[in-house]
Amino acid sequence: MFESKMIDKMTTLWTNFAKFGEPIPEVTKLLSLKWYPTNSTSPHAMVIDEELSTSHLWYSEALKYWRQVYSKYRRKI
């Protein structure tokens, strides 16, 4: 049951992103929260687990790691 529901969630998230440019354009029974775009003053991420949630990234080791990766590998124009 869990696997089938997760497959539905992930498929819907990716399909919505491809069609509308955002993973959750509207709240539904399957996707039960709105995922707002992040910004530099309030960075947050989607936590994909049995229930979807968001988490703030301030002072997060993960945020520091991804900033380093981006700085190292981004294309310089």
N, C-alpha and C. Protein backbone atom coordinates (compact mmCIF):
# COMPACT_ATOMS: atom_id res chain seq x y z
N MET A 1 0.82 -1.20 0.00
CA MET A 1 0.00 0.00 0.00
C MET A 1 0.87 1.27 0.00
N PHE A 2 1.85 1.32 0.91
CA PHE A 2 2.72 2.50 0.99
C PHE A 2 3.45 2.73 -0.33
N GLU A 3 4.00 1.66 -0.90
CA GLU A 3 4.76 1.80 -2.14
C GLU A 3 3.89 2.32 -3.27
N SER A 4 2.69 1.80 -3.38
CA SER A 4 1.79 2.22 -4.45
C SER A 4 1.39 3.69 -4.29
N LYS A 5 1.13 4.12 -3.06
CA LYS A 5 0.78 5.53 -2.81
C LYS A 5 1.97 6.44 -3.10
N MET A 6 3.18 5.99 -2.73
CA MET A 6 4.38 6.79 -2.98
C MET A 6 4.66 6.89 -4.48
N ILE A 7 4.45 5.82 -5.22
CA ILE A 7 4.61 5.87 -6.67
C ILE A 7 3.64 6.88 -7.27
N ASP A 8 2.39 6.87 -6.81
CA ASP A 8 1.40 7.84 -7.29
C ASP A 8 1.83 9.27 -6.97
N LYS A 9 2.31 9.51 -5.73
CA LYS A 9 2.75 10.85 -5.34
C LYS A 9 3.91 11.33 -6.21
N MET A 10 4.94 10.49 -6.34
CA MET A 10 6.13 10.90 -7.10
C MET A 10 5.80 11.12 -8.57
N THR A 11 5.00 10.24 -9.14
CA THR A 11 4.60 10.39 -10.54
C THR A 11 3.83 11.69 -10.74
N THR A 12 2.93 11.98 -9.82
CA THR A 12 2.14 13.20 -9.91
C THR A 12 3.01 14.44 -9.73
N LEU A 13 3.94 14.41 -8.77
CA LEU A 13 4.84 15.54 -8.56
C LEU A 13 5.63 15.85 -9.83
N TRP A 14 6.24 14.83 -10.43
CA TRP A 14 7.05 15.04 -11.64
C TRP A 14 6.20 15.45 -12.83
N THR A 15 5.03 14.84 -12.98
CA THR A 15 4.15 15.19 -14.09
C THR A 15 3.68 16.64 -13.96
N ASN A 16 3.28 17.03 -12.75
CA ASN A 16 2.87 18.42 -12.53
C ASN A 16 4.01 19.38 -12.83
N PHE A 17 5.21 19.03 -12.40
CA PHE A 17 6.36 19.90 -12.65
C PHE A 17 6.60 20.07 -14.15
N ALA A 18 6.49 18.97 -14.89
CA ALA A 18 6.69 19.04 -16.35
C ALA A 18 5.58 19.84 -17.03
N LYS A 19 4.33 19.67 -16.58
CA LYS A 19 3.20 20.34 -17.22
C LYS A 19 3.02 21.80 -16.79
N PHE A 20 3.19 22.06 -15.49
CA PHE A 20 2.83 23.38 -14.95
C PHE A 20 4.01 24.19 -14.42
N GLY A 21 5.19 23.56 -14.34
CA GLY A 21 6.35 24.27 -13.81
C GLY A 21 6.42 24.30 -12.30
N GLU A 22 5.50 23.60 -11.64
CA GLU A 22 5.54 23.47 -10.19
C GLU A 22 4.96 22.11 -9.80
N PRO A 23 5.56 21.45 -8.82
CA PRO A 23 5.15 20.10 -8.46
C PRO A 23 3.74 19.99 -7.87
N ILE A 24 3.30 21.04 -7.16
CA ILE A 24 1.98 20.99 -6.53
C ILE A 24 1.23 22.29 -6.87
N PRO A 25 0.64 22.36 -8.07
CA PRO A 25 -0.05 23.59 -8.45
C PRO A 25 -1.33 23.82 -7.64
N GLU A 26 -1.92 22.75 -7.14
CA GLU A 26 -3.10 22.87 -6.27
C GLU A 26 -3.12 21.71 -5.29
N VAL A 27 -3.68 21.96 -4.12
CA VAL A 27 -3.76 20.93 -3.08
C VAL A 27 -4.84 19.93 -3.47
N THR A 28 -4.51 18.64 -3.33
CA THR A 28 -5.46 17.56 -3.61
C THR A 28 -5.39 16.56 -2.46
N LYS A 29 -6.22 15.53 -2.53
CA LYS A 29 -6.18 14.49 -1.50
C LYS A 29 -4.82 13.79 -1.51
N LEU A 30 -4.25 13.57 -2.68
CA LEU A 30 -2.95 12.90 -2.80
C LEU A 30 -1.80 13.81 -2.37
N LEU A 31 -1.83 15.06 -2.83
CA LEU A 31 -0.78 16.04 -2.52
C LEU A 31 -1.40 17.10 -1.61
N SER A 32 -1.27 16.87 -0.31
CA SER A 32 -2.11 17.57 0.67
C SER A 32 -1.53 18.87 1.23
N LEU A 33 -0.50 19.43 0.62
CA LEU A 33 -0.02 20.73 1.04
C LEU A 33 0.52 21.50 -0.14
N LYS A 34 0.57 22.81 -0.02
CA LYS A 34 1.09 23.67 -1.08
C LYS A 34 2.59 23.80 -0.89
N TRP A 35 3.35 23.62 -1.96
CA TRP A 35 4.80 23.75 -1.91
C TRP A 35 5.17 25.06 -2.58
N TYR A 36 5.47 26.06 -1.78
CA TYR A 36 5.79 27.38 -2.31
C TYR A 36 7.25 27.45 -2.75
N PRO A 37 7.54 28.27 -3.76
CA PRO A 37 8.94 28.42 -4.18
C PRO A 37 9.80 28.92 -3.03
N THR A 38 11.02 28.45 -2.98
CA THR A 38 11.94 28.89 -1.94
C THR A 38 12.61 30.19 -2.36
N ASN A 39 13.23 30.87 -1.41
CA ASN A 39 13.98 32.08 -1.73
C ASN A 39 15.14 32.21 -0.75
N SER A 40 16.02 33.15 -0.99
CA SER A 40 17.23 33.26 -0.17
C SER A 40 16.95 33.71 1.25
N THR A 41 15.83 34.38 1.49
CA THR A 41 15.54 34.83 2.85
C THR A 41 14.82 33.77 3.68
N SER A 42 14.23 32.79 3.04
CA SER A 42 13.52 31.73 3.76
C SER A 42 13.64 30.41 3.00
N PRO A 43 14.85 29.85 2.94
CA PRO A 43 15.01 28.60 2.18
C PRO A 43 14.31 27.43 2.87
N HIS A 44 13.62 26.63 2.08
CA HIS A 44 12.97 25.45 2.61
C HIS A 44 12.90 24.38 1.53
N ALA A 45 12.67 23.16 1.95
CA ALA A 45 12.64 22.03 1.03
C ALA A 45 11.44 21.16 1.32
N MET A 46 11.04 20.38 0.34
CA MET A 46 9.97 19.41 0.52
C MET A 46 10.56 18.15 1.14
N VAL A 47 9.93 17.65 2.18
CA VAL A 47 10.30 16.38 2.80
C VAL A 47 9.33 15.34 2.25
N ILE A 48 9.86 14.42 1.46
CA ILE A 48 9.02 13.39 0.85
C ILE A 48 9.13 12.14 1.70
N ASP A 49 8.06 11.87 2.44
CA ASP A 49 7.99 10.73 3.35
C ASP A 49 6.56 10.19 3.25
N GLU A 50 6.13 9.39 4.23
CA GLU A 50 4.76 8.89 4.17
C GLU A 50 3.77 10.04 4.02
N GLU A 51 4.01 11.13 4.73
CA GLU A 51 3.24 12.35 4.57
C GLU A 51 4.18 13.44 4.06
N LEU A 52 3.73 14.24 3.13
CA LEU A 52 4.54 15.34 2.62
C LEU A 52 4.59 16.46 3.65
N SER A 53 5.75 17.10 3.77
CA SER A 53 5.89 18.26 4.65
C SER A 53 7.02 19.13 4.10
N THR A 54 7.19 20.30 4.67
CA THR A 54 8.31 21.16 4.30
C THR A 54 9.18 21.38 5.51
N SER A 55 10.43 21.73 5.26
CA SER A 55 11.39 21.94 6.34
C SER A 55 12.25 23.15 5.99
N HIS A 56 12.46 24.03 6.96
CA HIS A 56 13.34 25.18 6.75
C HIS A 56 14.79 24.70 6.72
N LEU A 57 15.61 25.37 5.94
CA LEU A 57 16.99 24.94 5.75
C LEU A 57 18.02 25.83 6.43
N TRP A 58 17.62 26.83 7.17
CA TRP A 58 18.61 27.69 7.81
C TRP A 58 19.53 26.88 8.71
N TYR A 59 20.82 27.17 8.61
CA TYR A 59 21.86 26.53 9.41
C TYR A 59 21.92 25.02 9.21
N SER A 60 21.41 24.57 8.11
CA SER A 60 21.41 23.15 7.81
C SER A 60 22.72 22.75 7.14
N GLU A 61 23.27 21.64 7.57
CA GLU A 61 24.48 21.11 6.93
C GLU A 61 24.21 20.78 5.46
N ALA A 62 23.02 20.31 5.17
CA ALA A 62 22.68 19.99 3.79
C ALA A 62 22.72 21.24 2.92
N LEU A 63 22.20 22.34 3.42
CA LEU A 63 22.22 23.59 2.66
C LEU A 63 23.65 24.04 2.40
N LYS A 64 24.51 23.95 3.39
CA LYS A 64 25.92 24.32 3.21
C LYS A 64 26.57 23.43 2.15
N TYR A 65 26.29 22.14 2.22
CA TYR A 65 26.85 21.19 1.26
C TYR A 65 26.44 21.56 -0.17
N TRP A 66 25.13 21.77 -0.40
CA TRP A 66 24.66 22.05 -1.74
C TRP A 66 25.15 23.40 -2.25
N ARG A 67 25.35 24.36 -1.37
CA ARG A 67 25.93 25.64 -1.80
C ARG A 67 27.36 25.43 -2.29
N GLN A 68 28.11 24.58 -1.59
CA GLN A 68 29.49 24.30 -2.01
C GLN A 68 29.50 23.58 -3.36
N VAL A 69 28.62 22.60 -3.51
CA VAL A 69 28.55 21.86 -4.78
C VAL A 69 28.18 22.81 -5.91
N TYR A 70 27.20 23.66 -5.71
CA TYR A 70 26.78 24.62 -6.74
C TYR A 70 27.93 25.56 -7.10
N SER A 71 28.60 26.09 -6.08
CA SER A 71 29.71 27.02 -6.34
C SER A 71 30.82 26.35 -7.13
N LYS A 72 31.07 25.09 -6.85
CA LYS A 72 32.16 24.38 -7.51
C LYS A 72 31.82 24.00 -8.95
N TYR A 73 30.59 23.55 -9.20
CA TYR A 73 30.25 22.97 -10.49
C TYR A 73 29.36 23.82 -11.39
N ARG A 74 28.88 24.96 -10.93
CA ARG A 74 27.98 25.75 -11.77
C ARG A 74 28.71 26.24 -13.02
N ARG A 75 27.94 26.41 -14.06
CA ARG A 75 28.51 26.92 -15.31
C ARG A 75 28.70 28.41 -15.18
N LYS A 76 29.88 28.86 -15.48
CA LYS A 76 30.16 30.29 -15.43
C LYS A 76 29.92 30.88 -16.80
N ILE A 77 29.07 31.89 -16.84
CA ILE A 77 28.70 32.51 -18.12
C ILE A 77 29.47 33.79 -18.29
